[in-house]
């Protein structure tokens, strides 16, 4: 989602990333995130609530869209801050 929002914002301002820039994003942003996600351990005790029966449920969709919105707002805020400088 981070890369999708970044590329979408660049297309809006008629810009594009080169192959080296995509490589930089993958090496220094995406790979560390993936590594940190794999290093998280299990929780000490199991939750009493059952997980949703379907993958497409309100809670999951709301969580994904919420994280995407937060990330997009941060990128737009950074973009506006750079433009104002």
C-alpha atoms as a PDB file:
ATOM      1  CA  UNK A   1       0.000   0.000   0.000  1.00  0.00           C
ATOM      2  CA  UNK A   2       2.896   2.349   0.730  1.00  0.00           C
ATOM      3  CA  UNK A   3       4.319   1.900  -2.740  1.00  0.00           C
ATOM      4  CA  UNK A   4       0.883   2.113  -4.365  1.00  0.00           C
ATOM      5  CA  UNK A   5       0.086   5.454  -2.697  1.00  0.00           C
ATOM      6  CA  UNK A   6       3.557   6.799  -3.513  1.00  0.00           C
ATOM      7  CA  UNK A   7       3.300   5.910  -7.196  1.00  0.00           C
ATOM      8  CA  UNK A   8      -0.287   7.183  -7.397  1.00  0.00           C
ATOM      9  CA  UNK A   9       0.744  10.543  -5.951  1.00  0.00           C
ATOM     10  CA  UNK A  10       3.610  10.778  -8.435  1.00  0.00           C
ATOM     11  CA  UNK A  11       1.283  10.056 -11.371  1.00  0.00           C
ATOM     12  CA  UNK A  12      -1.003  12.856 -10.204  1.00  0.00           C
ATOM     13  CA  UNK A  13       1.859  15.354 -10.482  1.00  0.00           C
ATOM     14  CA  UNK A  14       3.005  13.862 -13.849  1.00  0.00           C
ATOM     15  CA  UNK A  15       6.115  12.186 -12.506  1.00  0.00           C
ATOM     16  CA  UNK A  16       7.370   8.615 -12.515  1.00  0.00           C
ATOM     17  CA  UNK A  17       9.901   6.528 -10.607  1.00  0.00           C
ATOM     18  CA  UNK A  18      12.905   5.071 -12.374  1.00  0.00           C
ATOM     19  CA  UNK A  19      13.981   1.460 -11.898  1.00  0.00           C
ATOM     20  CA  UNK A  20      16.710   2.533  -9.473  1.00  0.00           C
ATOM     21  CA  UNK A  21      14.193   4.469  -7.391  1.00  0.00           C
ATOM     22  CA  UNK A  22      11.884   1.437  -7.208  1.00  0.00           C
ATOM     23  CA  UNK A  23      14.909  -0.621  -6.140  1.00  0.00           C
ATOM     24  CA  UNK A  24      15.732   1.930  -3.428  1.00  0.00           C
ATOM     25  CA  UNK A  25      12.144   1.786  -2.122  1.00  0.00           C
ATOM     26  CA  UNK A  26      12.238  -2.009  -2.042  1.00  0.00           C
ATOM     27  CA  UNK A  27      15.661  -2.281  -0.414  1.00  0.00           C
ATOM     28  CA  UNK A  28      15.360   0.399   2.234  1.00  0.00           C
ATOM     29  CA  UNK A  29      11.622   0.591   2.954  1.00  0.00           C
ATOM     30  CA  UNK A  30       9.848  -2.640   2.085  1.00  0.00           C
ATOM     31  CA  UNK A  31      12.469  -5.257   2.997  1.00  0.00           C
ATOM     32  CA  UNK A  32      13.089  -3.869   6.535  1.00  0.00           C
ATOM     33  CA  UNK A  33       9.318  -3.777   7.119  1.00  0.00           C
ATOM     34  CA  UNK A  34       8.999  -7.388   5.998  1.00  0.00           C
ATOM     35  CA  UNK A  35      11.940  -8.421   8.205  1.00  0.00           C
ATOM     36  CA  UNK A  36      10.490  -6.709  11.268  1.00  0.00           C
ATOM     37  CA  UNK A  37       7.082  -8.284  10.645  1.00  0.00           C
ATOM     38  CA  UNK A  38       8.639 -11.761  10.544  1.00  0.00           C
ATOM     39  CA  UNK A  39      10.529 -11.157  13.810  1.00  0.00           C
ATOM     40  CA  UNK A  40       7.440 -10.505  15.903  1.00  0.00           C
ATOM     41  CA  UNK A  41       6.796 -13.356  18.282  1.00  0.00           C
ATOM     42  CA  UNK A  42       3.535 -14.970  19.330  1.00  0.00           C
ATOM     43  CA  UNK A  43       1.381 -13.465  22.017  1.00  0.00           C
ATOM     44  CA  UNK A  44       1.680 -15.183  25.409  1.00  0.00           C
ATOM     45  CA  UNK A  45      -1.942 -16.316  25.601  1.00  0.00           C
ATOM     46  CA  UNK A  46      -4.645 -17.069  23.078  1.00  0.00           C
ATOM     47  CA  UNK A  47      -7.512 -14.618  22.694  1.00  0.00           C
ATOM     48  CA  UNK A  48     -10.963 -15.878  23.676  1.00  0.00           C
ATOM     49  CA  UNK A  49     -12.657 -14.262  20.667  1.00  0.00           C
ATOM     50  CA  UNK A  50     -13.020 -16.237  17.459  1.00  0.00           C
ATOM     51  CA  UNK A  51     -11.465 -14.767  14.317  1.00  0.00           C
ATOM     52  CA  UNK A  52     -13.840 -13.613  11.578  1.00  0.00           C
ATOM     53  CA  UNK A  53     -15.277 -16.437   9.510  1.00  0.00           C
ATOM     54  CA  UNK A  54     -14.659 -14.580   6.272  1.00  0.00           C
ATOM     55  CA  UNK A  55     -11.549 -12.815   5.076  1.00  0.00           C
ATOM     56  CA  UNK A  56     -13.674 -10.008   3.697  1.00  0.00           C
ATOM     57  CA  UNK A  57     -15.370  -8.747   6.835  1.00  0.00           C
ATOM     58  CA  UNK A  58     -16.063  -5.230   8.089  1.00  0.00           C
ATOM     59  CA  UNK A  59     -13.266  -5.302  10.668  1.00  0.00           C
ATOM     60  CA  UNK A  60     -10.599  -6.416   8.193  1.00  0.00           C
ATOM     61  CA  UNK A  61     -11.668  -4.052   5.407  1.00  0.00           C
ATOM     62  CA  UNK A  62     -11.906  -1.147   7.872  1.00  0.00           C
ATOM     63  CA  UNK A  63      -8.426  -1.933   9.228  1.00  0.00           C
ATOM     64  CA  UNK A  64      -6.823  -2.058   5.774  1.00  0.00           C
ATOM     65  CA  UNK A  65      -8.587   1.070   4.547  1.00  0.00           C
ATOM     66  CA  UNK A  66      -7.808   2.893   7.810  1.00  0.00           C
ATOM     67  CA  UNK A  67      -4.091   2.102   7.569  1.00  0.00           C
ATOM     68  CA  UNK A  68      -4.077   3.142   3.912  1.00  0.00           C
ATOM     69  CA  UNK A  69      -5.799   6.427   4.746  1.00  0.00           C
ATOM     70  CA  UNK A  70      -3.356   7.191   7.585  1.00  0.00           C
ATOM     71  CA  UNK A  71      -0.393   6.431   5.340  1.00  0.00           C
ATOM     72  CA  UNK A  72      -1.805   8.526   2.483  1.00  0.00           C
ATOM     73  CA  UNK A  73      -2.442  11.469   4.811  1.00  0.00           C
ATOM     74  CA  UNK A  74       1.144  11.351   6.046  1.00  0.00           C
ATOM     75  CA  UNK A  75       2.490  11.266   2.482  1.00  0.00           C
ATOM     76  CA  UNK A  76       0.232  14.110   1.380  1.00  0.00           C
ATOM     77  CA  UNK A  77       1.290  16.109   4.439  1.00  0.00           C
ATOM     78  CA  UNK A  78       4.955  15.535   3.650  1.00  0.00           C
ATOM     79  CA  UNK A  79       4.366  16.477   0.009  1.00  0.00           C
ATOM     80  CA  UNK A  80       2.641  19.737   1.014  1.00  0.00           C
ATOM     81  CA  UNK A  81       5.449  20.488   3.468  1.00  0.00           C
ATOM     82  CA  UNK A  82       8.061  20.011   0.736  1.00  0.00           C
ATOM     83  CA  UNK A  83       6.137  22.162  -1.744  1.00  0.00           C
ATOM     84  CA  UNK A  84       5.873  24.981   0.834  1.00  0.00           C
ATOM     85  CA  UNK A  85       9.624  24.954   1.365  1.00  0.00           C
END
